[in-house]
C-alpha atoms as a PDB file:
ATOM      1  CA  MET A   1      26.726  -1.169  39.651  1.00  0.00           C
ATOM      2  CA  ARG A   2      23.404  -3.025  39.640  1.00  0.00           C
ATOM      3  CA  LYS A   3      21.624   0.025  41.067  1.00  0.00           C
ATOM      4  CA  PHE A   4      23.191   2.215  38.413  1.00  0.00           C
ATOM      5  CA  LEU A   5      22.140  -0.136  35.597  1.00  0.00           C
ATOM      6  CA  PHE A   6      18.657  -0.363  37.087  1.00  0.00           C
ATOM      7  CA  LYS A   7      18.313   3.418  37.167  1.00  0.00           C
ATOM      8  CA  ILE A   8      19.652   3.747  33.630  1.00  0.00           C
ATOM      9  CA  SER A   9      17.238   1.115  32.362  1.00  0.00           C
ATOM     10  CA  LEU A  10      14.338   2.909  34.043  1.00  0.00           C
ATOM     11  CA  TYR A  11      15.433   6.174  32.432  1.00  0.00           C
ATOM     12  CA  ILE A  12      15.698   4.546  29.002  1.00  0.00           C
ATOM     13  CA  LEU A  13      12.290   2.913  29.401  1.00  0.00           C
ATOM     14  CA  GLY A  14      10.824   6.237  30.476  1.00  0.00           C
ATOM     15  CA  VAL A  15      12.244   8.096  27.473  1.00  0.00           C
ATOM     16  CA  ALA A  16      11.085   5.328  25.128  1.00  0.00           C
ATOM     17  CA  GLY A  17       7.609   5.473  26.652  1.00  0.00           C
ATOM     18  CA  VAL A  18       7.387   9.221  26.129  1.00  0.00           C
ATOM     19  CA  LEU A  19       8.529   8.903  22.500  1.00  0.00           C
ATOM     20  CA  LEU A  20       6.047   6.107  21.822  1.00  0.00           C
ATOM     21  CA  PHE A  21       3.291   8.270  23.292  1.00  0.00           C
ATOM     22  CA  LEU A  22       4.250  11.359  21.289  1.00  0.00           C
ATOM     23  CA  GLY A  23       4.716   9.388  18.053  1.00  0.00           C
ATOM     24  CA  SER A  24       1.226   7.929  18.376  1.00  0.00           C
ATOM     25  CA  TYR A  25      -0.150  11.395  17.553  1.00  0.00           C
ATOM     26  CA  ALA A  26       1.586  11.644  14.164  1.00  0.00           C
ATOM     27  CA  ASP A  27      -0.896  12.572  11.436  1.00  0.00           C
ATOM     28  CA  GLY A  28      -1.396  14.755   8.379  1.00  0.00           C
ATOM     29  CA  ASN A  29      -0.024  17.774  10.233  1.00  0.00           C
ATOM     30  CA  THR A  30       3.271  16.110  11.174  1.00  0.00           C
ATOM     31  CA  ASP A  31       5.029  16.975   7.908  1.00  0.00           C
ATOM     32  CA  ASP A  32       4.431  16.878   4.165  1.00  0.00           C
ATOM     33  CA  ASN A  33       5.251  13.162   3.802  1.00  0.00           C
ATOM     34  CA  TYR A  34       4.384  11.192   6.930  1.00  0.00           C
ATOM     35  CA  MET A  35       0.937   9.954   5.870  1.00  0.00           C
ATOM     36  CA  HIS A  36       2.384   8.373   2.716  1.00  0.00           C
ATOM     37  CA  PHE A  37       3.983   5.834   5.057  1.00  0.00           C
ATOM     38  CA  ALA A  38       1.161   5.314   7.552  1.00  0.00           C
ATOM     39  CA  VAL A  39      -1.781   3.822   5.656  1.00  0.00           C
ATOM     40  CA  GLU A  40      -2.771   0.459   4.190  1.00  0.00           C
ATOM     41  CA  LYS A  41      -1.111  -0.524   0.934  1.00  0.00           C
ATOM     42  CA  PRO A  42      -3.319   0.638  -1.964  1.00  0.00           C
ATOM     43  CA  GLN A  43      -4.348  -1.115  -5.156  1.00  0.00           C
ATOM     44  CA  ASN A  44      -5.094   2.081  -7.104  1.00  0.00           C
ATOM     45  CA  ILE A  45      -2.379   4.707  -7.046  1.00  0.00           C
ATOM     46  CA  ILE A  46      -1.358   8.155  -8.290  1.00  0.00           C
ATOM     47  CA  LEU A  47       2.298   8.940  -8.948  1.00  0.00           C
ATOM     48  CA  GLY A  48       3.975  12.274  -9.597  1.00  0.00           C
ATOM     49  CA  ASP A  49       5.350  15.412  -8.005  1.00  0.00           C
ATOM     50  CA  SER A  50       3.964  18.372  -6.041  1.00  0.00           C
ATOM     51  CA  ARG A  51       1.578  19.357  -8.843  1.00  0.00           C
ATOM     52  CA  SER A  52       0.106  15.908  -8.530  1.00  0.00           C
ATOM     53  CA  VAL A  53      -0.058  15.670  -4.733  1.00  0.00           C
ATOM     54  CA  GLN A  54      -2.002  18.940  -4.664  1.00  0.00           C
ATOM     55  CA  GLY A  55      -3.775  18.613  -7.990  1.00  0.00           C
ATOM     56  CA  ILE A  56      -5.373  15.137  -7.907  1.00  0.00           C
ATOM     57  CA  VAL A  57      -7.933  14.388  -5.197  1.00  0.00           C
ATOM     58  CA  PRO A  58      -8.394  10.659  -4.473  1.00  0.00           C
ATOM     59  CA  GLU A  59     -11.826  11.167  -2.900  1.00  0.00           C
ATOM     60  CA  VAL A  60     -13.151  12.577  -6.189  1.00  0.00           C
ATOM     61  CA  LEU A  61     -11.723   9.610  -8.101  1.00  0.00           C
ATOM     62  CA  LYS A  62     -13.319   7.253  -5.590  1.00  0.00           C
ATOM     63  CA  THR A  63     -16.716   8.884  -6.006  1.00  0.00           C
ATOM     64  CA  LYS A  64     -16.617   8.615  -9.781  1.00  0.00           C
ATOM     65  CA  LEU A  65     -14.703   5.352 -10.316  1.00  0.00           C
ATOM     66  CA  LEU A  66     -16.032   3.542  -7.221  1.00  0.00           C
ATOM     67  CA  VAL A  67     -12.637   2.377  -5.957  1.00  0.00           C
ATOM     68  CA  PRO A  68     -10.333   3.964  -3.338  1.00  0.00           C
ATOM     69  CA  PHE A  69      -7.140   5.688  -4.483  1.00  0.00           C
ATOM     70  CA  ASP A  70      -3.878   6.659  -2.820  1.00  0.00           C
ATOM     71  CA  ASN A  71      -1.948   9.702  -3.992  1.00  0.00           C
ATOM     72  CA  PHE A  72       1.690   8.623  -3.676  1.00  0.00           C
ATOM     73  CA  SER A  73       3.155  11.845  -5.079  1.00  0.00           C
ATOM     74  CA  LEU A  74       5.735  13.887  -3.162  1.00  0.00           C
ATOM     75  CA  ASN A  75       7.694  16.539  -5.108  1.00  0.00           C
ATOM     76  CA  ILE A  76      10.258  16.898  -7.896  1.00  0.00           C
ATOM     77  CA  VAL A  77      13.168  16.548  -5.476  1.00  0.00           C
ATOM     78  CA  GLU A  78      11.890  13.487  -3.608  1.00  0.00           C
ATOM     79  CA  SER A  79       9.726  11.653  -6.159  1.00  0.00           C
ATOM     80  CA  PRO A  80      10.914  12.228  -9.725  1.00  0.00           C
ATOM     81  CA  TYR A  81      10.767   9.120 -11.895  1.00  0.00           C
ATOM     82  CA  GLY A  82      13.843   7.036 -11.230  1.00  0.00           C
ATOM     83  CA  PRO A  83      15.120   3.857  -9.539  1.00  0.00           C
ATOM     84  CA  VAL A  84      14.263   5.193  -6.060  1.00  0.00           C
ATOM     85  CA  TYR A  85      10.616   5.831  -6.991  1.00  0.00           C
ATOM     86  CA  LEU A  86      10.312   2.398  -8.578  1.00  0.00           C
ATOM     87  CA  LYS A  87      11.741   0.735  -5.467  1.00  0.00           C
ATOM     88  CA  ALA A  88       9.324   2.700  -3.274  1.00  0.00           C
ATOM     89  CA  LEU A  89       6.360   1.842  -5.502  1.00  0.00           C
ATOM     90  CA  LYS A  90       7.096  -1.865  -5.146  1.00  0.00           C
ATOM     91  CA  ARG A  91       7.004  -1.492  -1.360  1.00  0.00           C
ATOM     92  CA  LYS A  92       3.953   0.786  -1.357  1.00  0.00           C
ATOM     93  CA  LEU A  93       1.592  -1.062  -3.701  1.00  0.00           C
ATOM     94  CA  ASN A  94      -0.506  -3.946  -2.400  1.00  0.00           C
ATOM     95  CA  PRO A  95       1.242  -7.080  -3.745  1.00  0.00           C
ATOM     96  CA  ASP A  96      -2.136  -8.706  -4.460  1.00  0.00           C
ATOM     97  CA  THR A  97      -3.195  -5.903  -6.786  1.00  0.00           C
ATOM     98  CA  GLN A  98      -5.258  -6.926  -9.808  1.00  0.00           C
ATOM     99  CA  ASN A  99      -7.296  -4.666 -12.110  1.00  0.00           C
ATOM    100  CA  GLY A 100      -5.773  -1.597 -10.474  1.00  0.00           C
ATOM    101  CA  VAL A 101      -5.989   1.915 -11.873  1.00  0.00           C
ATOM    102  CA  PHE A 102      -2.648   3.730 -12.021  1.00  0.00           C
ATOM    103  CA  ILE A 103      -2.369   7.443 -12.829  1.00  0.00           C
ATOM    104  CA  LEU A 104       1.180   8.549 -13.657  1.00  0.00           C
ATOM    105  CA  THR A 105       1.368  12.331 -13.837  1.00  0.00           C
ATOM    106  CA  VAL A 106       4.127  13.636 -16.067  1.00  0.00           C
ATOM    107  CA  SER A 107       5.849  16.982 -16.464  1.00  0.00           C
ATOM    108  CA  PRO A 108       9.227  17.956 -17.892  1.00  0.00           C
ATOM    109  CA  TRP A 109      10.423  18.444 -14.322  1.00  0.00           C
ATOM    110  CA  ASN A 110       9.813  14.942 -12.970  1.00  0.00           C
ATOM    111  CA  LEU A 111      11.522  13.509 -16.049  1.00  0.00           C
ATOM    112  CA  ALA A 112      14.442  15.945 -16.051  1.00  0.00           C
ATOM    113  CA  LEU A 113      17.769  16.217 -14.314  1.00  0.00           C
ATOM    114  CA  ASN A 114      20.150  19.034 -13.534  1.00  0.00           C
ATOM    115  CA  GLY A 115      22.925  18.983 -16.116  1.00  0.00           C
ATOM    116  CA  SER A 116      25.589  18.975 -13.414  1.00  0.00           C
ATOM    117  CA  VAL A 117      24.450  15.557 -12.123  1.00  0.00           C
ATOM    118  CA  ASN A 118      26.184  12.656 -13.823  1.00  0.00           C
ATOM    119  CA  LYS A 119      26.056   9.745 -11.359  1.00  0.00           C
ATOM    120  CA  ILE A 120      22.952   7.975 -10.030  1.00  0.00           C
ATOM    121  CA  GLU A 121      24.244   8.295  -6.475  1.00  0.00           C
ATOM    122  CA  ASP A 122      24.091  12.085  -6.915  1.00  0.00           C
ATOM    123  CA  PHE A 123      20.413  12.134  -7.935  1.00  0.00           C
ATOM    124  CA  PRO A 124      18.489  14.399  -5.498  1.00  0.00           C
ATOM    125  CA  GLU A 125      16.041  11.636  -4.519  1.00  0.00           C
ATOM    126  CA  GLU A 126      18.895   9.658  -2.987  1.00  0.00           C
ATOM    127  CA  HIS A 127      18.101  11.750   0.120  1.00  0.00           C
ATOM    128  CA  SER A 128      14.341  11.189  -0.106  1.00  0.00           C
ATOM    129  CA  PRO A 129      12.411   9.231   2.535  1.00  0.00           C
ATOM    130  CA  LEU A 130      11.513   6.961  -0.385  1.00  0.00           C
ATOM    131  CA  ASN A 131      15.110   5.778  -0.352  1.00  0.00           C
ATOM    132  CA  ASN A 132      15.501   5.012   3.336  1.00  0.00           C
ATOM    133  CA  MET A 133      12.121   3.571   4.290  1.00  0.00           C
ATOM    134  CA  TYR A 134      11.147  -0.085   4.425  1.00  0.00           C
ATOM    135  CA  PHE A 135       7.694   0.038   6.052  1.00  0.00           C
ATOM    136  CA  TYR A 136       4.983   1.936   4.171  1.00  0.00           C
ATOM    137  CA  ASP A 137       1.869   0.772   6.010  1.00  0.00           C
ATOM    138  CA  LYS A 138       2.526   1.245   9.741  1.00  0.00           C
ATOM    139  CA  SER A 139       0.492   3.577  11.922  1.00  0.00           C
ATOM    140  CA  PRO A 140       2.135   4.994  13.917  1.00  0.00           C
ATOM    141  CA  ASN A 141       5.182   4.636  11.701  1.00  0.00           C
ATOM    142  CA  TYR A 142       8.056   5.004  14.139  1.00  0.00           C
ATOM    143  CA  GLU A 143      10.559   4.039  11.449  1.00  0.00           C
ATOM    144  CA  TYR A 144       9.608   7.181   9.520  1.00  0.00           C
ATOM    145  CA  LEU A 145       9.771   9.380  12.605  1.00  0.00           C
ATOM    146  CA  VAL A 146      13.202   8.095  13.602  1.00  0.00           C
ATOM    147  CA  ARG A 147      14.671   8.324  10.110  1.00  0.00           C
ATOM    148  CA  ASN A 148      12.993  11.393   8.661  1.00  0.00           C
ATOM    149  CA  TYR A 149      11.386  13.610  11.298  1.00  0.00           C
ATOM    150  CA  SER A 150      13.873  16.314  12.305  1.00  0.00           C
ATOM    151  CA  LYS A 151      11.849  18.389  14.777  1.00  0.00           C
ATOM    152  CA  SER A 152      11.326  17.733  18.458  1.00  0.00           C
ATOM    153  CA  TRP A 153       8.828  14.917  18.919  1.00  0.00           C
ATOM    154  CA  PHE A 154       6.872  17.182  21.255  1.00  0.00           C
ATOM    155  CA  ARG A 155       5.906  19.091  18.092  1.00  0.00           C
ATOM    156  CA  ILE A 156       4.078  15.980  16.869  1.00  0.00           C
ATOM    157  CA  TYR A 157       1.700  16.270  19.816  1.00  0.00           C
ATOM    158  CA  LEU A 158       1.498  20.068  19.790  1.00  0.00           C
ATOM    159  CA  ASP A 159       0.850  20.226  16.021  1.00  0.00           C
ATOM    160  CA  ARG A 160      -1.607  17.303  15.835  1.00  0.00           C
ATOM    161  CA  GLU A 161      -4.708  17.620  13.676  1.00  0.00           C
ATOM    162  CA  ALA A 162      -6.988  17.836  16.706  1.00  0.00           C
ATOM    163  CA  ALA A 163      -5.360  21.192  17.529  1.00  0.00           C
ATOM    164  CA  GLY A 164      -6.215  22.513  14.059  1.00  0.00           C
ATOM    165  CA  ARG A 165      -5.163  21.540  10.562  1.00  0.00           C
ATOM    166  CA  SER A 166      -1.992  23.029   9.141  1.00  0.00           C
ATOM    167  CA  ASN A 167      -1.962  25.057   5.936  1.00  0.00           C
ATOM    168  CA  THR A 168      -0.448  22.037   4.176  1.00  0.00           C
ATOM    169  CA  PHE A 169      -2.493  19.117   5.453  1.00  0.00           C
ATOM    170  CA  LEU A 170      -1.737  15.664   4.064  1.00  0.00           C
ATOM    171  CA  HIS A 171      -4.898  13.563   4.036  1.00  0.00           C
ATOM    172  CA  LYS A 172      -4.810   9.824   4.705  1.00  0.00           C
ATOM    173  CA  ASP A 173      -5.384   9.188   1.000  1.00  0.00           C
ATOM    174  CA  GLY A 174      -2.263  11.201   0.121  1.00  0.00           C
ATOM    175  CA  TRP A 175      -3.891  14.420  -1.103  1.00  0.00           C
ATOM    176  CA  MET A 176      -2.197  17.549   0.190  1.00  0.00           C
ATOM    177  CA  GLU A 177      -4.772  20.238   0.868  1.00  0.00           C
ATOM    178  CA  VAL A 178      -3.110  23.647   0.800  1.00  0.00           C
ATOM    179  CA  ASN A 179      -4.896  26.605   2.348  1.00  0.00           C
ATOM    180  CA  VAL A 180      -3.318  29.997   1.686  1.00  0.00           C
ATOM    181  CA  ASP A 181      -4.524  33.539   1.206  1.00  0.00           C
ATOM    182  CA  MET A 182      -6.147  33.604  -2.253  1.00  0.00           C
ATOM    183  CA  ASN A 183      -6.435  37.379  -2.347  1.00  0.00           C
ATOM    184  CA  LYS A 184      -5.451  38.547  -5.831  1.00  0.00           C
ATOM    185  CA  ASP A 185      -2.382  40.471  -4.631  1.00  0.00           C
ATOM    186  CA  SER A 186      -1.150  37.591  -2.468  1.00  0.00           C
ATOM    187  CA  VAL A 187      -1.476  35.157  -5.349  1.00  0.00           C
ATOM    188  CA  ALA A 188       0.309  37.537  -7.711  1.00  0.00           C
ATOM    189  CA  ALA A 189       3.208  37.869  -5.278  1.00  0.00           C
ATOM    190  CA  ARG A 190       3.585  34.076  -4.979  1.00  0.00           C
ATOM    191  CA  VAL A 191       3.361  33.681  -8.759  1.00  0.00           C
ATOM    192  CA  ALA A 192       6.140  36.250  -9.271  1.00  0.00           C
ATOM    193  CA  VAL A 193       8.402  34.389  -6.835  1.00  0.00           C
ATOM    194  CA  LYS A 194       7.678  30.991  -8.400  1.00  0.00           C
ATOM    195  CA  ILE A 195       8.270  32.181 -11.967  1.00  0.00           C
ATOM    196  CA  LYS A 196      11.551  33.788 -10.888  1.00  0.00           C
ATOM    197  CA  GLU A 197      12.655  30.521  -9.261  1.00  0.00           C
ATOM    198  CA  TYR A 198      11.935  28.466 -12.358  1.00  0.00           C
ATOM    199  CA  LYS A 199      13.531  30.976 -14.726  1.00  0.00           C
ATOM    200  CA  ALA A 200      16.701  30.823 -12.637  1.00  0.00           C
ATOM    201  CA  VAL A 201      17.100  27.060 -13.160  1.00  0.00           C
ATOM    202  CA  LEU A 202      15.315  26.564 -16.464  1.00  0.00           C
ATOM    203  CA  ASN A 203      18.378  26.192 -18.652  1.00  0.00           C
ATOM    204  CA  THR A 204      20.253  24.004 -16.177  1.00  0.00           C
ATOM    205  CA  TYR A 205      17.807  21.110 -16.615  1.00  0.00           C
ATOM    206  CA  ARG A 206      17.581  18.566 -19.433  1.00  0.00           C
ATOM    207  CA  LEU A 207      15.256  15.659 -20.070  1.00  0.00           C
ATOM    208  CA  SER A 208      16.949  12.621 -18.588  1.00  0.00           C
ATOM    209  CA  GLU A 209      17.429   9.257 -20.297  1.00  0.00           C
ATOM    210  CA  GLU A 210      17.628   7.661 -16.841  1.00  0.00           C
ATOM    211  CA  ARG A 211      14.273   9.098 -15.819  1.00  0.00           C
ATOM    212  CA  LEU A 212      12.652   8.153 -19.111  1.00  0.00           C
ATOM    213  CA  GLU A 213      13.960   4.614 -18.684  1.00  0.00           C
ATOM    214  CA  ALA A 214      12.549   4.553 -15.160  1.00  0.00           C
ATOM    215  CA  ILE A 215       9.042   5.556 -16.209  1.00  0.00           C
ATOM    216  CA  ASN A 216       9.189   2.842 -18.858  1.00  0.00           C
ATOM    217  CA  GLN A 217      10.104   0.346 -16.130  1.00  0.00           C
ATOM    218  CA  ILE A 218       7.338   1.613 -13.854  1.00  0.00           C
ATOM    219  CA  ILE A 219       4.769   1.187 -16.620  1.00  0.00           C
ATOM    220  CA  ASP A 220       6.073  -2.326 -17.304  1.00  0.00           C
ATOM    221  CA  TYR A 221       5.775  -3.139 -13.599  1.00  0.00           C
ATOM    222  CA  LEU A 222       2.213  -1.813 -13.315  1.00  0.00           C
ATOM    223  CA  LYS A 223       0.615  -3.011 -16.562  1.00  0.00           C
ATOM    224  CA  PRO A 224       0.255  -6.676 -15.494  1.00  0.00           C
ATOM    225  CA  LYS A 225      -1.527  -5.415 -12.360  1.00  0.00           C
ATOM    226  CA  GLY A 226      -4.045  -3.105 -14.033  1.00  0.00           C
ATOM    227  CA  THR A 227      -4.398  -0.132 -16.353  1.00  0.00           C
ATOM    228  CA  VAL A 228      -1.934   2.733 -16.625  1.00  0.00           C
ATOM    229  CA  TYR A 229      -2.864   6.294 -17.583  1.00  0.00           C
ATOM    230  CA  LEU A 230      -0.432   9.135 -18.250  1.00  0.00           C
ATOM    231  CA  VAL A 231      -1.685  12.598 -17.253  1.00  0.00           C
ATOM    232  CA  ARG A 232      -0.133  16.024 -17.713  1.00  0.00           C
ATOM    233  CA  ILE A 233      -1.471  18.526 -15.197  1.00  0.00           C
ATOM    234  CA  PRO A 234      -1.617  22.176 -16.252  1.00  0.00           C
ATOM    235  CA  ALA A 235      -0.056  25.108 -14.467  1.00  0.00           C
ATOM    236  CA  SER A 236      -0.577  28.809 -15.136  1.00  0.00           C
ATOM    237  CA  LYS A 237      -0.179  30.059 -18.681  1.00  0.00           C
ATOM    238  CA  ASN A 238       3.149  31.747 -17.884  1.00  0.00           C
ATOM    239  CA  MET A 239       4.515  28.582 -16.289  1.00  0.00           C
ATOM    240  CA  MET A 240       3.408  26.415 -19.209  1.00  0.00           C
ATOM    241  CA  ALA A 241       5.015  28.886 -21.619  1.00  0.00           C
ATOM    242  CA  LEU A 242       8.332  28.481 -19.779  1.00  0.00           C
ATOM    243  CA  GLU A 243       8.090  24.701 -19.990  1.00  0.00           C
ATOM    244  CA  ASP A 244       7.126  24.699 -23.648  1.00  0.00           C
ATOM    245  CA  GLU A 245       9.996  27.026 -24.469  1.00  0.00           C
ATOM    246  CA  ARG A 246      12.578  24.857 -22.707  1.00  0.00           C
ATOM    247  CA  PHE A 247      11.055  21.441 -23.495  1.00  0.00           C
ATOM    248  CA  PRO A 248       9.132  21.870 -26.783  1.00  0.00           C
ATOM    249  CA  GLU A 249       9.399  18.158 -27.539  1.00  0.00           C
ATOM    250  CA  PHE A 250       7.820  16.994 -24.278  1.00  0.00           C
ATOM    251  CA  ASN A 251       4.244  16.325 -25.366  1.00  0.00           C
ATOM    252  CA  THR A 252       5.400  14.485 -28.489  1.00  0.00           C
ATOM    253  CA  LEU A 253       7.673  12.406 -26.286  1.00  0.00           C
ATOM    254  CA  MET A 254       4.745  11.493 -24.013  1.00  0.00           C
ATOM    255  CA  LYS A 255       2.534  10.634 -26.973  1.00  0.00           C
ATOM    256  CA  ASP A 256       5.253   8.371 -28.312  1.00  0.00           C
ATOM    257  CA  LEU A 257       5.607   6.749 -24.888  1.00  0.00           C
ATOM    258  CA  SER A 258       1.873   6.159 -24.614  1.00  0.00           C
ATOM    259  CA  LYS A 259       1.788   4.633 -28.087  1.00  0.00           C
ATOM    260  CA  LYS A 260       4.794   2.394 -27.417  1.00  0.00           C
ATOM    261  CA  LYS A 261       3.406   1.176 -24.095  1.00  0.00           C
ATOM    262  CA  GLN A 262      -0.232   1.154 -25.278  1.00  0.00           C
ATOM    263  CA  VAL A 263      -1.493   3.388 -22.484  1.00  0.00           C
ATOM    264  CA  LYS A 264      -3.706   6.453 -22.694  1.00  0.00           C
ATOM    265  CA  PHE A 265      -2.201   9.934 -22.367  1.00  0.00           C
ATOM    266  CA  TYR A 266      -4.502  12.711 -21.142  1.00  0.00           C
ATOM    267  CA  ASP A 267      -2.937  16.112 -21.730  1.00  0.00           C
ATOM    268  CA  PHE A 268      -4.564  18.994 -19.868  1.00  0.00           C
ATOM    269  CA  SER A 269      -1.632  21.377 -20.356  1.00  0.00           C
ATOM    270  CA  GLY A 270      -3.558  23.493 -22.860  1.00  0.00           C
ATOM    271  CA  GLN A 271      -6.314  24.252 -20.337  1.00  0.00           C
ATOM    272  CA  SER A 272      -4.392  26.621 -18.060  1.00  0.00           C
ATOM    273  CA  ASP A 273      -7.142  29.230 -18.024  1.00  0.00           C
ATOM    274  CA  ASP A 274      -9.727  26.723 -16.787  1.00  0.00           C
ATOM    275  CA  PHE A 275      -8.170  26.514 -13.334  1.00  0.00           C
ATOM    276  CA  ILE A 276      -6.970  28.622 -10.401  1.00  0.00           C
ATOM    277  CA  TYR A 277      -3.463  28.266  -8.961  1.00  0.00           C
ATOM    278  CA  THR A 278      -2.055  29.142  -5.555  1.00  0.00           C
ATOM    279  CA  ASP A 279       1.336  30.181  -6.954  1.00  0.00           C
ATOM    280  CA  GLY A 280       1.187  29.669 -10.716  1.00  0.00           C
ATOM    281  CA  ASN A 281       2.545  26.141 -10.379  1.00  0.00           C
ATOM    282  CA  HIS A 282       0.129  24.321  -8.060  1.00  0.00           C
ATOM    283  CA  MET A 283      -3.646  24.076  -8.262  1.00  0.00           C
ATOM    284  CA  TYR A 284      -5.957  25.594  -5.732  1.00  0.00           C
ATOM    285  CA  SER A 285      -8.003  22.917  -3.959  1.00  0.00           C
ATOM    286  CA  LYS A 286     -11.298  23.791  -5.648  1.00  0.00           C
ATOM    287  CA  SER A 287      -9.678  23.610  -9.082  1.00  0.00           C
ATOM    288  CA  ALA A 288      -7.961  20.354  -8.120  1.00  0.00           C
ATOM    289  CA  LYS A 289     -11.359  18.761  -7.558  1.00  0.00           C
ATOM    290  CA  ILE A 290     -12.572  19.981 -10.952  1.00  0.00           C
ATOM    291  CA  LEU A 291      -9.475  18.658 -12.729  1.00  0.00           C
ATOM    292  CA  THR A 292      -9.711  15.332 -10.906  1.00  0.00           C
ATOM    293  CA  ALA A 293     -13.323  14.968 -11.992  1.00  0.00           C
ATOM    294  CA  GLN A 294     -12.243  15.522 -15.604  1.00  0.00           C
ATOM    295  CA  ILE A 295      -9.507  12.901 -15.260  1.00  0.00           C
ATOM    296  CA  ALA A 296     -12.002  10.463 -13.753  1.00  0.00           C
ATOM    297  CA  ASP A 297     -14.496  11.109 -16.566  1.00  0.00           C
ATOM    298  CA  SER A 298     -11.771  10.436 -19.147  1.00  0.00           C
ATOM    299  CA  ILE A 299     -10.843   7.168 -17.453  1.00  0.00           C
ATOM    300  CA  LYS A 300     -14.478   6.129 -17.083  1.00  0.00           C
ATOM    301  CA  ALA A 301     -15.147   6.809 -20.766  1.00  0.00           C
ATOM    302  CA  GLU A 302     -12.145   4.668 -21.716  1.00  0.00           C
ATOM    303  CA  GLN A 303     -13.264   1.877 -19.376  1.00  0.00           C
ATOM    304  CA  ASN A 304     -16.739   1.920 -20.928  1.00  0.00           C
ATOM    305  CA  ARG A 305     -15.258   1.864 -24.421  1.00  0.00           C
ATOM    306  CA  LEU A 306     -13.297  -1.278 -23.624  1.00  0.00           C
ATOM    307  CA  LYS A 307     -16.273  -3.173 -22.168  1.00  0.00           C
END
């Protein structure tokens, strides 16, 4: 029996050693979320959905505002405004934060809910990594890999950054750099698919009181720690037309929120033609840097005004 237990223990130790080795190679190629849980806790943060994670570049903000940023945006399924996002923010943000800069990107989608959902436990983000993670600043983050990585761990090593960056590479600062074929026909095909997807669900979504309450709570949590800015990122003209048709009251709602909470609201939704999009919904990386520079300039102007 002792020999059997000894052999089993050696086997278990061997497997654990292999997993520890493979997990040590986790990086921005591992999946679309891993790096959000594998860096130091930030004091300046960006919140939002997939438009935000692709559309706001922390390095550009750092260059212009002289402080490092972390883009803690995921997507409309995993990081819409709600109790889960607030809980995650409290674990993600450096608890010693003072004079932080907080950019909350808003769209009808990250403040909306499918009309068929009535209970909080049925919210889609209940299945988000944001809801099952405790550690947000471990590297390697084995908790994340155990709880949320579904592929073989050998893929972590095989797909590591050193072997070549993936088409959706998540930088350490949380920016997702997407590299796809930007040929006119390829873009048009992706736009057609994306518009069709959104048209199919457009009328099933409504602005959610629960999500609006959550963004109020997030602002209340952040304001004592620094300055909050609301930002609406543009999409293509066709996509913005869909949103404005379904949610015509949205911008007024955000202006009212900014006035009530005494925070600035920067609305870029009318500047669709100033930028290039990979699929009509998400900004191309070069345009993302231009938009981020404009956001930074707006924030810098406001900071100078208040001096």
